[in-house]
Amino acid sequence: MRCLGIDTSNYTTSAAIYGGEVLCSQRMLLPVKPGEKGLRQSDAVFHHVRQLPQVLAAALGQVGPMDAVGASVSPRSGADSYMPCFLVGKGFAQALGAAWGVPVYFFSHQQGHLAAALYSAGQLAALDGEFLAFHVSGGTTEALLVRPGGDGLPQAERVAQSLDLKAGQAVDRVGVMLGLPFPCGPGLEKMALRWEGAVSVRPSMKGADCSLSGVENQCKRLLSQGRPPEEVARTCIEAVGAALDKMCGALLREYGPLPVLFAGGVCSNSILREKLSGKYGGWFAAPEFSSDNGAGPAILAYRKRML
């Protein structure tokens, strides 16, 4: 059995095929003009409409009809979670499902991230149990208490979050400040790895919640003082890591010794991985399954089809 997954998030057009393992995964970043910090939803929708046929053609190749199709249709689960760019993937999934005469399943982007990250970490069985998950990206910095739902899908309850700026926003804003191309995560990581000195960070916390707006302000101040770009980059990443560290410690004290998953594009950062995996034994996905991808909805469609 093979299932197609489609994800049209705000910055990546993705499709993947899953049949007990990820057989194919294709993606294209949405184009962002130099110096800009993001895309309007209308522009994201336009680019997905242009790019998704190319991504699907590359993923499907000479492969025949699938046994099911899965698509991300909202940022999170819940009736109030909506983002227009996901309508592109939803529409293509419905059309392909009708053409092939197969079931079409809808998931949240967040559910897809959890499934893809667990698959990459070799921990898919965790979907049948309880665990703590961090979803850290440009649009989300949340800690989730995840339990299996009656429908076979992971059901996530938000138990902590950033109260202002999201981690990916902080990374991108500091990266643009340093002249890096958007999205800035990979470039900022490379720059930060070149800094061998110490940096000073102090996370701003309110219980298990964090505040990240001070990260951007601290990095602006360092840059205005003439500090090296490498130090500024390292400060940004270490500050995000310190906040996630404090969040994780507080939640494990509250909920007990649960397994911890780190998912989302920001968690593909090697500095964060080293900091948090060693301390908490956390599960991390490979970068291609941590950033936005179509593997998550493909995996979840496979699970639904098997029920």
Protein backbone atom coordinates (compact mmCIF):
# COMPACT_ATOMS: atom_id res chain seq x y z
CA MET A 1 0.00 0.00 0.00
CA ARG A 2 1.26 3.46 -0.90
CA CYS A 3 -0.10 6.82 0.22
CA LEU A 4 0.57 10.31 -1.11
CA GLY A 5 1.03 13.23 1.27
CA ILE A 6 0.75 16.91 0.33
CA ASP A 7 1.72 19.93 2.41
CA THR A 8 1.47 23.55 1.20
CA SER A 9 2.80 25.52 4.15
CA ASN A 10 3.70 29.18 4.12
CA TYR A 11 7.23 28.67 2.73
CA THR A 12 7.46 25.17 1.19
CA THR A 13 5.54 23.16 -1.40
CA SER A 14 5.90 19.48 -0.49
CA ALA A 15 4.76 16.01 -1.52
CA ALA A 16 5.84 12.53 -0.39
CA ILE A 17 4.94 8.87 -0.86
CA TYR A 18 4.84 6.50 2.11
CA GLY A 19 4.46 2.73 2.01
CA GLY A 20 5.84 1.48 5.31
CA GLU A 21 8.79 3.78 4.68
CA VAL A 22 9.19 7.10 2.90
CA LEU A 23 9.63 6.08 -0.73
CA CYS A 24 9.94 9.58 -2.17
CA SER A 25 9.95 13.13 -0.81
CA GLN A 26 9.97 16.28 -2.93
CA ARG A 27 9.81 19.95 -2.01
CA MET A 28 10.30 23.45 -3.38
CA LEU A 29 10.81 26.58 -1.29
CA LEU A 30 8.53 29.49 -2.10
CA PRO A 31 10.50 32.43 -3.54
CA VAL A 32 11.06 35.37 -1.19
CA LYS A 33 12.66 38.57 -2.48
CA PRO A 34 16.07 39.49 -1.01
CA GLY A 35 15.76 41.55 2.17
CA GLU A 36 12.13 40.59 2.80
CA LYS A 37 11.11 38.71 5.97
CA GLY A 38 8.22 36.66 4.63
CA LEU A 39 5.33 36.33 2.17
CA ARG A 40 1.76 37.54 2.11
CA GLN A 41 -0.74 34.69 2.03
CA SER A 42 -1.96 35.75 -1.42
CA ASP A 43 1.58 35.42 -2.76
CA ALA A 44 2.07 32.06 -1.02
CA VAL A 45 -1.13 30.71 -2.59
CA PHE A 46 -0.02 31.92 -6.04
CA HIS A 47 3.38 30.24 -5.75
CA HIS A 48 1.90 26.96 -4.48
CA VAL A 49 -0.50 26.84 -7.43
CA ARG A 50 2.49 27.19 -9.76
CA GLN A 51 4.83 24.83 -7.92
CA LEU A 52 2.64 21.97 -6.72
CA PRO A 53 2.16 20.39 -10.18
CA GLN A 54 5.97 20.28 -10.56
CA VAL A 55 6.46 18.78 -7.09
CA LEU A 56 3.75 16.17 -7.68
CA ALA A 57 5.18 15.25 -11.08
CA ALA A 58 8.61 14.69 -9.50
CA ALA A 59 7.15 12.65 -6.63
CA LEU A 60 4.82 10.47 -8.65
CA GLY A 61 7.02 9.98 -11.72
CA GLN A 62 5.92 6.73 -13.35
CA VAL A 63 4.11 5.53 -10.21
CA GLY A 64 0.44 4.65 -10.67
CA PRO A 65 -2.53 5.66 -8.50
CA MET A 66 -2.09 5.75 -4.73
CA ASP A 67 -4.20 3.86 -2.17
CA ALA A 68 -4.98 7.05 -0.25
CA VAL A 69 -4.13 10.76 -0.21
CA GLY A 70 -3.39 12.88 2.85
CA ALA A 71 -3.08 16.65 3.01
CA SER A 72 -2.35 19.33 5.59
CA VAL A 73 -5.34 21.68 5.66
CA SER A 74 -4.73 23.92 8.70
CA PRO A 75 -1.87 25.01 10.94
CA ARG A 76 -3.29 23.19 13.99
CA SER A 77 -6.26 21.01 14.81
CA GLY A 78 -9.44 22.92 15.65
CA ALA A 79 -12.12 24.82 13.81
CA ASP A 80 -10.48 28.20 14.45
CA SER A 81 -7.15 27.25 12.83
CA TYR A 82 -6.97 28.50 9.25
CA MET A 83 -4.41 29.63 6.70
CA PRO A 84 -5.27 30.12 2.99
CA CYS A 85 -2.09 28.53 1.62
CA PHE A 86 -3.25 25.08 2.79
CA LEU A 87 -6.27 25.30 0.49
CA VAL A 88 -4.00 24.62 -2.49
CA GLY A 89 -2.88 21.24 -1.16
CA LYS A 90 -6.39 20.40 -0.01
CA GLY A 91 -7.83 21.06 -3.47
CA PHE A 92 -5.18 19.00 -5.28
CA ALA A 93 -5.65 16.15 -2.79
CA GLN A 94 -9.41 16.12 -3.37
CA ALA A 95 -8.95 16.13 -7.15
CA LEU A 96 -6.42 13.29 -7.09
CA GLY A 97 -8.52 11.25 -4.67
CA ALA A 98 -11.57 11.61 -6.92
CA ALA A 99 -9.57 10.71 -10.04
CA TRP A 100 -8.08 7.61 -8.40
CA GLY A 101 -11.22 6.67 -6.47
CA VAL A 102 -9.35 6.48 -3.15
CA PRO A 103 -9.92 7.97 0.32
CA VAL A 104 -8.67 11.47 1.08
CA TYR A 105 -7.71 12.34 4.66
CA PHE A 106 -7.13 15.78 6.13
CA PHE A 107 -4.70 16.62 8.92
CA SER A 108 -3.22 19.67 10.57
CA HIS A 109 0.25 20.84 9.61
CA GLN A 110 1.25 20.29 13.23
CA GLN A 111 0.09 16.66 13.21
CA GLY A 112 2.16 16.12 10.08
CA HIS A 113 5.26 17.56 11.75
CA LEU A 114 4.85 15.20 14.71
CA ALA A 115 4.46 12.14 12.49
CA ALA A 116 7.40 13.01 10.23
CA ALA A 117 9.71 13.77 13.14
CA LEU A 118 8.80 10.54 14.95
CA TYR A 119 9.34 8.56 11.74
CA SER A 120 12.78 10.07 11.23
CA ALA A 121 13.72 9.43 14.86
CA GLY A 122 12.62 5.79 14.56
CA GLN A 123 9.86 6.36 17.12
CA LEU A 124 6.58 6.08 15.16
CA ALA A 125 5.23 3.71 17.83
CA ALA A 126 5.10 6.73 20.15
CA LEU A 127 1.94 7.82 18.31
CA ASP A 128 0.16 5.12 20.33
CA GLY A 129 1.32 6.57 23.65
CA GLU A 130 1.80 9.85 25.51
CA PHE A 131 4.73 12.19 24.98
CA LEU A 132 5.79 15.82 25.18
CA ALA A 133 6.48 17.56 21.87
CA PHE A 134 7.99 20.90 20.96
CA HIS A 135 6.86 22.36 17.63
CA VAL A 136 9.31 25.16 16.90
CA SER A 137 9.11 27.02 13.60
CA GLY A 138 8.51 30.42 12.06
CA GLY A 139 4.83 30.37 12.93
CA THR A 140 4.85 28.30 16.12
CA THR A 141 6.83 27.93 19.31
CA GLU A 142 4.73 25.59 21.41
CA ALA A 143 5.08 22.68 23.79
CA LEU A 144 2.39 20.03 23.35
CA LEU A 145 1.16 17.19 25.51
CA VAL A 146 0.37 14.56 22.87
CA ARG A 147 -1.94 11.59 23.37
CA PRO A 148 -3.41 9.10 20.89
CA GLY A 149 -6.89 10.00 19.68
CA GLY A 150 -9.73 7.60 19.00
CA ASP A 151 -9.35 8.31 15.29
CA GLY A 152 -5.78 7.01 15.26
CA LEU A 153 -4.32 10.52 15.04
CA PRO A 154 -2.16 12.34 17.60
CA GLN A 155 -4.21 14.77 19.70
CA ALA A 156 -2.15 17.66 21.03
CA GLU A 157 -2.89 19.92 23.97
CA ARG A 158 -0.80 23.08 24.16
CA VAL A 159 0.84 23.29 27.58
CA ALA A 160 3.39 26.09 26.99
CA GLN A 161 4.28 28.62 24.30
CA SER A 162 6.16 31.75 23.36
CA LEU A 163 4.08 34.71 24.48
CA ASP A 164 5.30 36.98 21.68
CA LEU A 165 7.89 36.37 18.96
CA LYS A 166 8.20 32.81 17.63
CA ALA A 167 11.62 31.16 17.51
CA GLY A 168 11.69 31.03 13.70
CA GLN A 169 10.73 34.70 13.53
CA ALA A 170 13.61 35.59 15.83
CA VAL A 171 16.02 33.54 13.71
CA ASP A 172 14.80 35.10 10.46
CA ARG A 173 14.78 38.66 11.78
CA VAL A 174 18.30 38.37 13.13
CA GLY A 175 19.40 36.63 9.92
CA VAL A 176 17.99 39.38 7.70
CA MET A 177 19.67 41.89 10.02
CA LEU A 178 22.95 40.12 9.25
CA GLY A 179 22.32 40.12 5.50
CA LEU A 180 21.41 36.43 5.16
CA PRO A 181 18.85 35.18 2.61
CA PHE A 182 15.36 34.30 3.87
CA PRO A 183 14.57 31.80 5.33
CA CYS A 184 17.66 32.38 7.43
CA GLY A 185 17.95 29.25 9.59
CA PRO A 186 20.67 27.37 7.64
CA GLY A 187 22.76 30.49 7.06
CA LEU A 188 22.50 31.63 10.67
CA GLU A 189 23.56 28.19 11.90
CA LYS A 190 26.65 28.17 9.66
CA MET A 191 27.58 31.65 10.86
CA ALA A 192 27.02 30.75 14.52
CA LEU A 193 29.20 27.64 14.29
CA ARG A 194 32.14 29.87 13.40
CA TRP A 195 31.96 31.64 16.80
CA GLU A 196 34.18 29.95 19.39
CA GLY A 197 33.80 32.46 22.22
CA ALA A 198 31.26 32.63 25.04
CA VAL A 199 27.91 34.37 24.71
CA SER A 200 25.64 35.74 27.42
CA VAL A 201 21.95 34.82 27.29
CA ARG A 202 19.21 34.84 29.91
CA PRO A 203 15.78 33.49 28.93
CA SER A 204 12.68 35.49 29.84
CA MET A 205 10.15 33.09 31.37
CA LYS A 206 6.65 33.22 32.85
CA GLY A 207 6.12 29.78 34.31
CA ALA A 208 6.72 27.34 31.45
CA ASP A 209 5.99 30.03 28.83
CA CYS A 210 8.78 32.06 27.29
CA SER A 211 9.20 35.48 25.71
CA LEU A 212 11.53 35.77 22.71
CA SER A 213 11.14 39.40 21.67
CA GLY A 214 14.20 40.26 23.76
CA VAL A 215 16.35 38.01 21.54
CA GLU A 216 15.93 40.30 18.55
CA ASN A 217 16.57 43.37 20.71
CA GLN A 218 19.72 41.89 22.24
CA CYS A 219 21.09 40.99 18.81
CA LYS A 220 20.34 44.50 17.48
CA ARG A 221 22.22 45.96 20.43
CA LEU A 222 25.23 43.69 19.89
CA LEU A 223 25.36 44.57 16.21
CA SER A 224 25.16 48.31 16.96
CA GLN A 225 28.10 47.86 19.34
CA GLY A 226 30.16 46.47 16.47
CA ARG A 227 30.20 42.89 17.71
CA PRO A 228 31.11 40.24 15.08
CA PRO A 229 28.20 38.82 13.07
CA GLU A 230 29.23 35.32 14.18
CA GLU A 231 28.77 36.29 17.83
CA VAL A 232 25.37 37.83 17.09
CA ALA A 233 24.25 34.68 15.27
CA ARG A 234 25.44 32.42 18.08
CA THR A 235 23.71 34.62 20.66
CA CYS A 236 20.41 34.30 18.81
CA ILE A 237 20.55 30.50 18.65
CA GLU A 238 21.80 30.08 22.21
CA ALA A 239 19.01 32.37 23.47
CA VAL A 240 16.36 30.26 21.71
CA GLY A 241 17.97 27.12 23.09
CA ALA A 242 18.01 28.50 26.64
CA ALA A 243 14.30 29.29 26.44
CA LEU A 244 13.45 25.81 25.14
CA ASP A 245 15.62 24.31 27.89
CA LYS A 246 13.72 26.18 30.60
CA MET A 247 10.34 25.26 29.05
CA CYS A 248 11.23 21.59 28.84
CA GLY A 249 12.56 21.40 32.40
CA ALA A 250 9.45 23.07 33.83
CA LEU A 251 7.08 20.79 31.92
CA LEU A 252 8.88 17.58 32.85
CA ARG A 253 8.67 18.61 36.49
CA GLU A 254 4.93 19.16 36.04
CA TYR A 255 4.00 16.13 33.92
CA GLY A 256 6.64 13.61 34.90
CA PRO A 257 9.35 11.80 32.91
CA LEU A 258 7.70 11.68 29.49
CA PRO A 259 9.57 11.13 26.21
CA VAL A 260 10.31 14.46 24.48
CA LEU A 261 10.13 15.13 20.73
CA PHE A 262 11.55 18.24 19.06
CA ALA A 263 9.96 19.02 15.69
CA GLY A 264 9.71 21.98 13.31
CA GLY A 265 12.23 23.74 11.12
CA VAL A 266 14.08 25.49 13.95
CA CYS A 267 14.78 22.10 15.57
CA SER A 268 16.89 21.05 12.59
CA ASN A 269 19.61 23.30 14.06
CA SER A 270 22.64 21.25 15.14
CA ILE A 271 23.45 23.58 18.06
CA LEU A 272 19.99 23.14 19.54
CA ARG A 273 20.09 19.40 18.91
CA GLU A 274 23.36 19.01 20.84
CA LYS A 275 22.11 21.17 23.71
CA LEU A 276 18.73 19.50 24.20
CA SER A 277 19.23 15.90 23.13
CA GLY A 278 22.08 15.38 25.55
CA LYS A 279 20.23 16.88 28.51
CA TYR A 280 16.77 15.40 27.95
CA GLY A 281 17.41 12.45 25.66
CA GLY A 282 15.03 14.18 23.27
CA TRP A 283 14.07 12.77 19.90
CA PHE A 284 15.13 14.89 16.94
CA ALA A 285 14.30 14.38 13.27
CA ALA A 286 16.82 14.59 10.47
CA PRO A 287 16.68 18.11 8.96
CA GLU A 288 14.66 16.98 5.92
CA PHE A 289 11.95 15.60 8.23
CA SER A 290 12.13 18.42 10.76
CA SER A 291 11.42 21.22 8.31
CA ASP A 292 8.15 21.37 6.36
CA ASN A 293 7.54 18.23 4.32
CA GLY A 294 4.87 16.02 2.79
CA ALA A 295 5.98 12.87 4.63
CA GLY A 296 3.86 13.62 7.70
CA PRO A 297 0.48 13.62 5.95
CA ALA A 298 1.56 10.60 3.87
CA ILE A 299 2.40 8.64 7.04
CA LEU A 300 -0.86 9.63 8.73
CA ALA A 301 -2.88 8.74 5.60
CA TYR A 302 -1.23 5.30 5.67
CA ARG A 303 -2.20 4.86 9.33
CA LYS A 304 -5.79 5.89 8.61
CA ARG A 305 -6.02 3.56 5.63
CA MET A 306 -4.77 0.68 7.77
CA LEU A 307 -7.48 1.15 10.42
